[in-house]
Amino acid sequence: MVRAGARVIVDDAFLGGAESQRRWRDVLNGLEVLWVGVRCDGAVAAGREMARGDRVTGMAESQAEVVHRGLAYDIEVDTGSAEALACAREIASRVSFETS
């Protein structure tokens, strides 16, 4: 789809660290990609997890930092210290909206 010109957002938690990102980089080779790290303090993530009520308790806090180890991003946002809309605006400011 992307190679045909569709704009795609992939949301992935890299539980395999840098190796997980490397696999994506290989698949996306030759494409324009904006790597965005979306961070959140573990305690904040745990509170959100509890509020959702449909998550495995403790998973969010245990993965809050692990999923970022060894990864390289073009931009990082912190949803624990900034409002979601501000994070979205920051990301959007880095996206090219030109059409071919």
PDB file of N, CA and C in Angstrom:
ATOM      1  N   MET A   1       0.817  -1.191   0.000  1.00  0.00           N
ATOM      2  CA  MET A   1       0.000   0.000   0.000  1.00  0.00           C
ATOM      3  C   MET A   1       0.862   1.257   0.000  1.00  0.00           C
ATOM      4  N   VAL A   2       1.881   1.270   0.828  1.00  0.00           N
ATOM      5  CA  VAL A   2       2.730   2.455   0.935  1.00  0.00           C
ATOM      6  C   VAL A   2       3.476   2.689  -0.375  1.00  0.00           C
ATOM      7  N   ARG A   3       3.982   1.631  -0.956  1.00  0.00           N
ATOM      8  CA  ARG A   3       4.714   1.776  -2.216  1.00  0.00           C
ATOM      9  C   ARG A   3       3.802   2.242  -3.342  1.00  0.00           C
ATOM     10  N   ALA A   4       2.497   2.043  -3.193  1.00  0.00           N
ATOM     11  CA  ALA A   4       1.533   2.525  -4.183  1.00  0.00           C
ATOM     12  C   ALA A   4       1.112   3.961  -3.904  1.00  0.00           C
ATOM     13  N   GLY A   5       1.601   4.547  -2.801  1.00  0.00           N
ATOM     14  CA  GLY A   5       1.328   5.943  -2.504  1.00  0.00           C
ATOM     15  C   GLY A   5       0.414   6.214  -1.330  1.00  0.00           C
ATOM     16  N   ALA A   6      -0.098   5.165  -0.692  1.00  0.00           N
ATOM     17  CA  ALA A   6      -0.967   5.368   0.467  1.00  0.00           C
ATOM     18  C   ALA A   6      -0.146   5.849   1.658  1.00  0.00           C
ATOM     19  N   ARG A   7      -0.733   6.725   2.442  1.00  0.00           N
ATOM     20  CA  ARG A   7      -0.096   7.190   3.677  1.00  0.00           C
ATOM     21  C   ARG A   7      -0.532   6.247   4.792  1.00  0.00           C
ATOM     22  N   VAL A   8       0.438   5.711   5.501  1.00  0.00           N
ATOM     23  CA  VAL A   8       0.153   4.690   6.501  1.00  0.00           C
ATOM     24  C   VAL A   8       0.839   5.059   7.808  1.00  0.00           C
ATOM     25  N   ILE A   9       0.140   4.833   8.895  1.00  0.00           N
ATOM     26  CA  ILE A   9       0.721   4.977  10.230  1.00  0.00           C
ATOM     27  C   ILE A   9       0.805   3.580  10.824  1.00  0.00           C
ATOM     28  N   VAL A  10       1.991   3.211  11.259  1.00  0.00           N
ATOM     29  CA  VAL A  10       2.187   1.923  11.912  1.00  0.00           C
ATOM     30  C   VAL A  10       2.434   2.199  13.388  1.00  0.00           C
ATOM     31  N   ASP A  11       1.658   1.562  14.230  1.00  0.00           N
ATOM     32  CA  ASP A  11       1.799   1.693  15.681  1.00  0.00           C
ATOM     33  C   ASP A  11       2.321   0.362  16.186  1.00  0.00           C
ATOM     34  N   ASP A  12       3.540   0.359  16.675  1.00  0.00           N
ATOM     35  CA  ASP A  12       4.159  -0.891  17.092  1.00  0.00           C
ATOM     36  C   ASP A  12       4.951  -0.658  18.370  1.00  0.00           C
ATOM     37  N   ALA A  13       4.900  -1.615  19.270  1.00  0.00           N
ATOM     38  CA  ALA A  13       5.745  -1.591  20.467  1.00  0.00           C
ATOM     39  C   ALA A  13       6.884  -2.559  20.203  1.00  0.00           C
ATOM     40  N   PHE A  14       8.096  -2.052  20.186  1.00  0.00           N
ATOM     41  CA  PHE A  14       9.260  -2.857  19.832  1.00  0.00           C
ATOM     42  C   PHE A  14       9.744  -3.684  21.017  1.00  0.00           C
ATOM     43  N   LEU A  15       9.047  -4.761  21.292  1.00  0.00           N
ATOM     44  CA  LEU A  15       9.428  -5.617  22.409  1.00  0.00           C
ATOM     45  C   LEU A  15      10.761  -6.307  22.153  1.00  0.00           C
ATOM     46  N   GLY A  16      11.149  -6.405  20.890  1.00  0.00           N
ATOM     47  CA  GLY A  16      12.431  -7.008  20.533  1.00  0.00           C
ATOM     48  C   GLY A  16      13.540  -5.982  20.404  1.00  0.00           C
ATOM     49  N   GLY A  17      13.281  -4.753  20.858  1.00  0.00           N
ATOM     50  CA  GLY A  17      14.298  -3.705  20.847  1.00  0.00           C
ATOM     51  C   GLY A  17      14.753  -3.312  19.458  1.00  0.00           C
ATOM     52  N   ALA A  18      16.044  -3.015  19.362  1.00  0.00           N
ATOM     53  CA  ALA A  18      16.623  -2.530  18.111  1.00  0.00           C
ATOM     54  C   ALA A  18      16.439  -3.531  16.970  1.00  0.00           C
ATOM     55  N   GLU A  19      16.423  -4.815  17.272  1.00  0.00           N
ATOM     56  CA  GLU A  19      16.223  -5.832  16.229  1.00  0.00           C
ATOM     57  C   GLU A  19      14.829  -5.701  15.612  1.00  0.00           C
ATOM     58  N   SER A  20      13.834  -5.396  16.415  1.00  0.00           N
ATOM     59  CA  SER A  20      12.475  -5.182  15.889  1.00  0.00           C
ATOM     60  C   SER A  20      12.452  -3.990  14.944  1.00  0.00           C
ATOM     61  N   GLN A  21      13.120  -2.908  15.342  1.00  0.00           N
ATOM     62  CA  GLN A  21      13.154  -1.726  14.487  1.00  0.00           C
ATOM     63  C   GLN A  21      13.946  -2.014  13.205  1.00  0.00           C
ATOM     64  N   ARG A  22      15.004  -2.773  13.308  1.00  0.00           N
ATOM     65  CA  ARG A  22      15.796  -3.114  12.125  1.00  0.00           C
ATOM     66  C   ARG A  22      14.951  -3.847  11.092  1.00  0.00           C
ATOM     67  N   ARG A  23      14.096  -4.763  11.551  1.00  0.00           N
ATOM     68  CA  ARG A  23      13.219  -5.490  10.620  1.00  0.00           C
ATOM     69  C   ARG A  23      12.290  -4.523   9.898  1.00  0.00           C
ATOM     70  N   TRP A  24      11.717  -3.563  10.623  1.00  0.00           N
ATOM     71  CA  TRP A  24      10.869  -2.556   9.991  1.00  0.00           C
ATOM     72  C   TRP A  24      11.675  -1.714   9.014  1.00  0.00           C
ATOM     73  N   ARG A  25      12.876  -1.311   9.416  1.00  0.00           N
ATOM     74  CA  ARG A  25      13.722  -0.507   8.525  1.00  0.00           C
ATOM     75  C   ARG A  25      14.000  -1.254   7.220  1.00  0.00           C
ATOM     76  N   ASP A  26      14.245  -2.544   7.298  1.00  0.00           N
ATOM     77  CA  ASP A  26      14.488  -3.348   6.103  1.00  0.00           C
ATOM     78  C   ASP A  26      13.258  -3.356   5.195  1.00  0.00           C
ATOM     79  N   VAL A  27      12.093  -3.558   5.767  1.00  0.00           N
ATOM     80  CA  VAL A  27      10.849  -3.607   4.992  1.00  0.00           C
ATOM     81  C   VAL A  27      10.528  -2.247   4.374  1.00  0.00           C
ATOM     82  N   LEU A  28      10.824  -1.181   5.095  1.00  0.00           N
ATOM     83  CA  LEU A  28      10.483   0.173   4.640  1.00  0.00           C
ATOM     84  C   LEU A  28      11.609   0.848   3.858  1.00  0.00           C
ATOM     85  N   ASN A  29      12.659   0.114   3.566  1.00  0.00           N
ATOM     86  CA  ASN A  29      13.806   0.669   2.849  1.00  0.00           C
ATOM     87  C   ASN A  29      13.365   1.370   1.557  1.00  0.00           C
ATOM     88  N   GLY A  30      13.845   2.583   1.385  1.00  0.00           N
ATOM     89  CA  GLY A  30      13.525   3.349   0.187  1.00  0.00           C
ATOM     90  C   GLY A  30      12.292   4.226   0.319  1.00  0.00           C
ATOM     91  N   LEU A  31      11.588   4.108   1.420  1.00  0.00           N
ATOM     92  CA  LEU A  31      10.385   4.910   1.656  1.00  0.00           C
ATOM     93  C   LEU A  31      10.699   6.052   2.616  1.00  0.00           C
ATOM     94  N   GLU A  32       9.925   7.115   2.514  1.00  0.00           N
ATOM     95  CA  GLU A  32      10.055   8.222   3.463  1.00  0.00           C
ATOM     96  C   GLU A  32       9.344   7.818   4.754  1.00  0.00           C
ATOM     97  N   VAL A  33      10.101   7.760   5.828  1.00  0.00           N
ATOM     98  CA  VAL A  33       9.561   7.301   7.112  1.00  0.00           C
ATOM     99  C   VAL A  33       9.904   8.328   8.184  1.00  0.00           C
ATOM    100  N   LEU A  34       8.958   8.608   9.052  1.00  0.00           N
ATOM    101  CA  LEU A  34       9.194   9.436  10.229  1.00  0.00           C
ATOM    102  C   LEU A  34       9.069   8.514  11.437  1.00  0.00           C
ATOM    103  N   TRP A  35      10.190   8.289  12.110  1.00  0.00           N
ATOM    104  CA  TRP A  35      10.202   7.430  13.290  1.00  0.00           C
ATOM    105  C   TRP A  35       9.867   8.276  14.512  1.00  0.00           C
ATOM    106  N   VAL A  36       8.753   7.949  15.156  1.00  0.00           N
ATOM    107  CA  VAL A  36       8.275   8.712  16.303  1.00  0.00           C
ATOM    108  C   VAL A  36       8.286   7.819  17.542  1.00  0.00           C
ATOM    109  N   GLY A  37       8.977   8.267  18.563  1.00  0.00           N
ATOM    110  CA  GLY A  37       8.952   7.583  19.844  1.00  0.00           C
ATOM    111  C   GLY A  37       7.911   8.261  20.718  1.00  0.00           C
ATOM    112  N   VAL A  38       6.924   7.501  21.141  1.00  0.00           N
ATOM    113  CA  VAL A  38       5.875   8.037  22.019  1.00  0.00           C
ATOM    114  C   VAL A  38       6.145   7.477  23.412  1.00  0.00           C
ATOM    115  N   ARG A  39       6.595   8.365  24.281  1.00  0.00           N
ATOM    116  CA  ARG A  39       6.985   7.958  25.625  1.00  0.00           C
ATOM    117  C   ARG A  39       5.935   8.353  26.656  1.00  0.00           C
ATOM    118  N   CYS A  40       6.032   7.706  27.793  1.00  0.00           N
ATOM    119  CA  CYS A  40       5.160   8.012  28.925  1.00  0.00           C
ATOM    120  C   CYS A  40       5.807   7.390  30.159  1.00  0.00           C
ATOM    121  N   ASP A  41       5.837   8.137  31.243  1.00  0.00           N
ATOM    122  CA  ASP A  41       6.376   7.618  32.500  1.00  0.00           C
ATOM    123  C   ASP A  41       5.616   6.342  32.889  1.00  0.00           C
ATOM    124  N   GLY A  42       6.338   5.386  33.433  1.00  0.00           N
ATOM    125  CA  GLY A  42       5.737   4.113  33.801  1.00  0.00           C
ATOM    126  C   GLY A  42       4.557   4.230  34.742  1.00  0.00           C
ATOM    127  N   ALA A  43       4.629   5.146  35.705  1.00  0.00           N
ATOM    128  CA  ALA A  43       3.523   5.325  36.654  1.00  0.00           C
ATOM    129  C   ALA A  43       2.281   5.865  35.952  1.00  0.00           C
ATOM    130  N   VAL A  44       2.484   6.775  35.018  1.00  0.00           N
ATOM    131  CA  VAL A  44       1.353   7.318  34.246  1.00  0.00           C
ATOM    132  C   VAL A  44       0.751   6.216  33.387  1.00  0.00           C
ATOM    133  N   ALA A  45       1.617   5.435  32.742  1.00  0.00           N
ATOM    134  CA  ALA A  45       1.141   4.328  31.908  1.00  0.00           C
ATOM    135  C   ALA A  45       0.344   3.328  32.743  1.00  0.00           C
ATOM    136  N   ALA A  46       0.795   3.064  33.963  1.00  0.00           N
ATOM    137  CA  ALA A  46       0.089   2.131  34.840  1.00  0.00           C
ATOM    138  C   ALA A  46      -1.298   2.660  35.195  1.00  0.00           C
ATOM    139  N   GLY A  47      -1.394   3.961  35.444  1.00  0.00           N
ATOM    140  CA  GLY A  47      -2.696   4.560  35.738  1.00  0.00           C
ATOM    141  C   GLY A  47      -3.644   4.461  34.553  1.00  0.00           C
ATOM    142  N   ARG A  48      -3.139   4.685  33.370  1.00  0.00           N
ATOM    143  CA  ARG A  48      -3.966   4.569  32.156  1.00  0.00           C
ATOM    144  C   ARG A  48      -4.404   3.127  31.934  1.00  0.00           C
ATOM    145  N   GLU A  49      -3.488   2.212  32.190  1.00  0.00           N
ATOM    146  CA  GLU A  49      -3.780   0.788  32.055  1.00  0.00           C
ATOM    147  C   GLU A  49      -4.930   0.394  32.984  1.00  0.00           C
ATOM    148  N   MET A  50      -4.857   0.860  34.225  1.00  0.00           N
ATOM    149  CA  MET A  50      -5.894   0.543  35.196  1.00  0.00           C
ATOM    150  C   MET A  50      -7.235   1.155  34.787  1.00  0.00           C
ATOM    151  N   ALA A  51      -7.200   2.383  34.292  1.00  0.00           N
ATOM    152  CA  ALA A  51      -8.435   3.068  33.891  1.00  0.00           C
ATOM    153  C   ALA A  51      -9.108   2.364  32.721  1.00  0.00           C
ATOM    154  N   ARG A  52      -8.318   1.773  31.818  1.00  0.00           N
ATOM    155  CA  ARG A  52      -8.903   1.077  30.665  1.00  0.00           C
ATOM    156  C   ARG A  52      -9.634  -0.190  31.109  1.00  0.00           C
ATOM    157  N   GLY A  53      -9.061  -0.884  32.082  1.00  0.00           N
ATOM    158  CA  GLY A  53      -9.719  -2.057  32.625  1.00  0.00           C
ATOM    159  C   GLY A  53      -9.635  -3.303  31.766  1.00  0.00           C
ATOM    160  N   ASP A  54      -9.026  -3.219  30.599  1.00  0.00           N
ATOM    161  CA  ASP A  54      -8.954  -4.390  29.727  1.00  0.00           C
ATOM    162  C   ASP A  54      -7.517  -4.779  29.406  1.00  0.00           C
ATOM    163  N   ARG A  55      -6.596  -4.371  30.261  1.00  0.00           N
ATOM    164  CA  ARG A  55      -5.173  -4.651  30.048  1.00  0.00           C
ATOM    165  C   ARG A  55      -4.652  -5.564  31.159  1.00  0.00           C
ATOM    166  N   VAL A  56      -3.555  -6.235  30.885  1.00  0.00           N
ATOM    167  CA  VAL A  56      -2.892  -7.063  31.897  1.00  0.00           C
ATOM    168  C   VAL A  56      -2.202  -6.120  32.869  1.00  0.00           C
ATOM    169  N   THR A  57      -2.567  -6.200  34.126  1.00  0.00           N
ATOM    170  CA  THR A  57      -2.021  -5.313  35.149  1.00  0.00           C
ATOM    171  C   THR A  57      -0.503  -5.460  35.256  1.00  0.00           C
ATOM    172  N   GLY A  58       0.173  -4.307  35.213  1.00  0.00           N
ATOM    173  CA  GLY A  58       1.618  -4.272  35.361  1.00  0.00           C
ATOM    174  C   GLY A  58       2.385  -4.243  34.048  1.00  0.00           C
ATOM    175  N   MET A  59       1.733  -4.594  32.947  1.00  0.00           N
ATOM    176  CA  MET A  59       2.423  -4.650  31.660  1.00  0.00           C
ATOM    177  C   MET A  59       2.891  -3.269  31.206  1.00  0.00           C
ATOM    178  N   ALA A  60       2.041  -2.268  31.328  1.00  0.00           N
ATOM    179  CA  ALA A  60       2.390  -0.924  30.851  1.00  0.00           C
ATOM    180  C   ALA A  60       3.615  -0.375  31.562  1.00  0.00           C
ATOM    181  N   GLU A  61       3.630  -0.499  32.876  1.00  0.00           N
ATOM    182  CA  GLU A  61       4.771   0.038  33.632  1.00  0.00           C
ATOM    183  C   GLU A  61       6.051  -0.733  33.326  1.00  0.00           C
ATOM    184  N   SER A  62       5.942  -2.039  33.193  1.00  0.00           N
ATOM    185  CA  SER A  62       7.141  -2.843  32.935  1.00  0.00           C
ATOM    186  C   SER A  62       7.706  -2.607  31.540  1.00  0.00           C
ATOM    187  N   GLN A  63       6.860  -2.181  30.594  1.00  0.00           N
ATOM    188  CA  GLN A  63       7.312  -1.979  29.223  1.00  0.00           C
ATOM    189  C   GLN A  63       7.590  -0.514  28.878  1.00  0.00           C
ATOM    190  N   ALA A  64       7.276   0.399  29.770  1.00  0.00           N
ATOM    191  CA  ALA A  64       7.383   1.835  29.475  1.00  0.00           C
ATOM    192  C   ALA A  64       8.755   2.246  28.963  1.00  0.00           C
ATOM    193  N   GLU A  65       9.807   1.694  29.477  1.00  0.00           N
ATOM    194  CA  GLU A  65      11.162   2.030  29.025  1.00  0.00           C
ATOM    195  C   GLU A  65      11.750   0.964  28.109  1.00  0.00           C
ATOM    196  N   VAL A  66      11.418  -0.284  28.370  1.00  0.00           N
ATOM    197  CA  VAL A  66      11.987  -1.400  27.616  1.00  0.00           C
ATOM    198  C   VAL A  66      11.740  -1.261  26.116  1.00  0.00           C
ATOM    199  N   VAL A  67      10.554  -0.809  25.735  1.00  0.00           N
ATOM    200  CA  VAL A  67      10.212  -0.735  24.306  1.00  0.00           C
ATOM    201  C   VAL A  67      10.993   0.346  23.561  1.00  0.00           C
ATOM    202  N   HIS A  68      11.752   1.174  24.273  1.00  0.00           N
ATOM    203  CA  HIS A  68      12.529   2.242  23.639  1.00  0.00           C
ATOM    204  C   HIS A  68      14.031   1.954  23.618  1.00  0.00           C
ATOM    205  N   ARG A  69      14.479   0.926  24.313  1.00  0.00           N
ATOM    206  CA  ARG A  69      15.915   0.634  24.426  1.00  0.00           C
ATOM    207  C   ARG A  69      16.543   0.316  23.075  1.00  0.00           C
ATOM    208  N   GLY A  70      17.587   1.072  22.751  1.00  0.00           N
ATOM    209  CA  GLY A  70      18.342   0.815  21.537  1.00  0.00           C
ATOM    210  C   GLY A  70      17.697   1.332  20.261  1.00  0.00           C
ATOM    211  N   LEU A  71      16.593   2.063  20.375  1.00  0.00           N
ATOM    212  CA  LEU A  71      15.898   2.545  19.191  1.00  0.00           C
ATOM    213  C   LEU A  71      16.335   3.953  18.825  1.00  0.00           C
ATOM    214  N   ALA A  72      16.195   4.279  17.566  1.00  0.00           N
ATOM    215  CA  ALA A  72      16.520   5.610  17.063  1.00  0.00           C
ATOM    216  C   ALA A  72      15.254   6.228  16.485  1.00  0.00           C
ATOM    217  N   TYR A  73      14.947   7.441  16.923  1.00  0.00           N
ATOM    218  CA  TYR A  73      13.754   8.145  16.468  1.00  0.00           C
ATOM    219  C   TYR A  73      14.131   9.459  15.805  1.00  0.00           C
ATOM    220  N   ASP A  74      13.264   9.913  14.926  1.00  0.00           N
ATOM    221  CA  ASP A  74      13.411  11.242  14.336  1.00  0.00           C
ATOM    222  C   ASP A  74      12.864  12.296  15.289  1.00  0.00           C
ATOM    223  N   ILE A  75      11.868  11.914  16.061  1.00  0.00           N
ATOM    224  CA  ILE A  75      11.209  12.818  17.004  1.00  0.00           C
ATOM    225  C   ILE A  75      10.655  11.976  18.152  1.00  0.00           C
ATOM    226  N   GLU A  76      10.638  12.559  19.342  1.00  0.00           N
ATOM    227  CA  GLU A  76      10.037  11.891  20.496  1.00  0.00           C
ATOM    228  C   GLU A  76       9.058  12.838  21.160  1.00  0.00           C
ATOM    229  N   VAL A  77       7.945  12.283  21.596  1.00  0.00           N
ATOM    230  CA  VAL A  77       6.960  13.052  22.357  1.00  0.00           C
ATOM    231  C   VAL A  77       6.698  12.311  23.654  1.00  0.00           C
ATOM    232  N   ASP A  78       6.266  13.047  24.662  1.00  0.00           N
ATOM    233  CA  ASP A  78       5.983  12.459  25.967  1.00  0.00           C
ATOM    234  C   ASP A  78       4.540  12.754  26.327  1.00  0.00           C
ATOM    235  N   THR A  79       3.695  11.742  26.223  1.00  0.00           N
ATOM    236  CA  THR A  79       2.270  11.927  26.499  1.00  0.00           C
ATOM    237  C   THR A  79       1.970  11.988  27.986  1.00  0.00           C
ATOM    238  N   GLY A  80       2.989  11.777  28.813  1.00  0.00           N
ATOM    239  CA  GLY A  80       2.805  11.898  30.253  1.00  0.00           C
ATOM    240  C   GLY A  80       2.983  13.325  30.725  1.00  0.00           C
ATOM    241  N   SER A  81       3.728  14.120  29.953  1.00  0.00           N
ATOM    242  CA  SER A  81       3.975  15.503  30.363  1.00  0.00           C
ATOM    243  C   SER A  81       3.374  16.527  29.408  1.00  0.00           C
ATOM    244  N   ALA A  82       2.835  16.080  28.289  1.00  0.00           N
ATOM    245  CA  ALA A  82       2.216  16.991  27.321  1.00  0.00           C
ATOM    246  C   ALA A  82       0.853  16.445  26.918  1.00  0.00           C
ATOM    247  N   GLU A  83      -0.049  17.339  26.600  1.00  0.00           N
ATOM    248  CA  GLU A  83      -1.383  16.933  26.156  1.00  0.00           C
ATOM    249  C   GLU A  83      -1.285  16.200  24.814  1.00  0.00           C
ATOM    250  N   ALA A  84      -2.191  15.289  24.578  1.00  0.00           N
ATOM    251  CA  ALA A  84      -2.193  14.500  23.349  1.00  0.00           C
ATOM    252  C   ALA A  84      -2.229  15.390  22.110  1.00  0.00           C
ATOM    253  N   LEU A  85      -3.025  16.447  22.139  1.00  0.00           N
ATOM    254  CA  LEU A  85      -3.136  17.335  20.982  1.00  0.00           C
ATOM    255  C   LEU A  85      -1.805  18.035  20.702  1.00  0.00           C
ATOM    256  N   ALA A  86      -1.101  18.448  21.736  1.00  0.00           N
ATOM    257  CA  ALA A  86       0.205  19.085  21.555  1.00  0.00           C
ATOM    258  C   ALA A  86       1.194  18.093  20.949  1.00  0.00           C
ATOM    259  N   CYS A  87       1.155  16.846  21.401  1.00  0.00           N
ATOM    260  CA  CYS A  87       2.029  15.817  20.832  1.00  0.00           C
ATOM    261  C   CYS A  87       1.687  15.587  19.366  1.00  0.00           C
ATOM    262  N   ALA A  88       0.400  15.509  19.063  1.00  0.00           N
ATOM    263  CA  ALA A  88      -0.034  15.301  17.676  1.00  0.00           C
ATOM    264  C   ALA A  88       0.404  16.455  16.785  1.00  0.00           C
ATOM    265  N   ARG A  89       0.295  17.664  17.288  1.00  0.00           N
ATOM    266  CA  ARG A  89       0.735  18.832  16.505  1.00  0.00           C
ATOM    267  C   ARG A  89       2.244  18.804  16.252  1.00  0.00           C
ATOM    268  N   GLU A  90       2.987  18.402  17.267  1.00  0.00           N
ATOM    269  CA  GLU A  90       4.439  18.327  17.111  1.00  0.00           C
ATOM    270  C   GLU A  90       4.807  17.296  16.043  1.00  0.00           C
ATOM    271  N   ILE A  91       4.142  16.161  16.059  1.00  0.00           N
ATOM    272  CA  ILE A  91       4.387  15.133  15.052  1.00  0.00           C
ATOM    273  C   ILE A  91       3.975  15.627  13.666  1.00  0.00           C
ATOM    274  N   ALA A  92       2.784  16.209  13.576  1.00  0.00           N
ATOM    275  CA  ALA A  92       2.274  16.694  12.287  1.00  0.00           C
ATOM    276  C   ALA A  92       3.193  17.735  11.679  1.00  0.00           C
ATOM    277  N   SER A  93       3.860  18.529  12.518  1.00  0.00           N
ATOM    278  CA  SER A  93       4.745  19.563  11.992  1.00  0.00           C
ATOM    279  C   SER A  93       5.964  18.953  11.273  1.00  0.00           C
ATOM    280  N   ARG A  94       6.219  17.697  11.509  1.00  0.00           N
ATOM    281  CA  ARG A  94       7.359  17.000  10.894  1.00  0.00           C
ATOM    282  C   ARG A  94       6.966  16.138   9.699  1.00  0.00           C
ATOM    283  N   VAL A  95       5.675  16.044   9.418  1.00  0.00           N
ATOM    284  CA  VAL A  95       5.192  15.185   8.338  1.00  0.00           C
ATOM    285  C   VAL A  95       5.051  16.002   7.059  1.00  0.00           C
ATOM    286  N   SER A  96       5.501  15.417   5.970  1.00  0.00           N
ATOM    287  CA  SER A  96       5.355  16.060   4.665  1.00  0.00           C
ATOM    288  C   SER A  96       3.965  15.741   4.127  1.00  0.00           C
ATOM    289  N   PHE A  97       3.210  16.779   3.786  1.00  0.00           N
ATOM    290  CA  PHE A  97       1.877  16.577   3.244  1.00  0.00           C
ATOM    291  C   PHE A  97       1.818  16.790   1.746  1.00  0.00           C
ATOM    292  N   GLU A  98       2.981  16.846   1.103  1.00  0.00           N
ATOM    293  CA  GLU A  98       3.023  17.040  -0.338  1.00  0.00           C
ATOM    294  C   GLU A  98       2.494  15.789  -1.029  1.00  0.00           C
ATOM    295  N   THR A  99       1.824  15.973  -2.144  1.00  0.00           N
ATOM    296  CA  THR A  99       1.344  14.849  -2.931  1.00  0.00           C
ATOM    297  C   THR A  99       2.140  14.768  -4.211  1.00  0.00           C
ATOM    298  N   SER A 100       2.235  13.567  -4.752  1.00  0.00           N
ATOM    299  CA  SER A 100       3.012  13.405  -5.977  1.00  0.00           C
ATOM    300  C   SER A 100       2.171  13.577  -7.204  1.00  0.00           C
TER     301      SER A 100
END
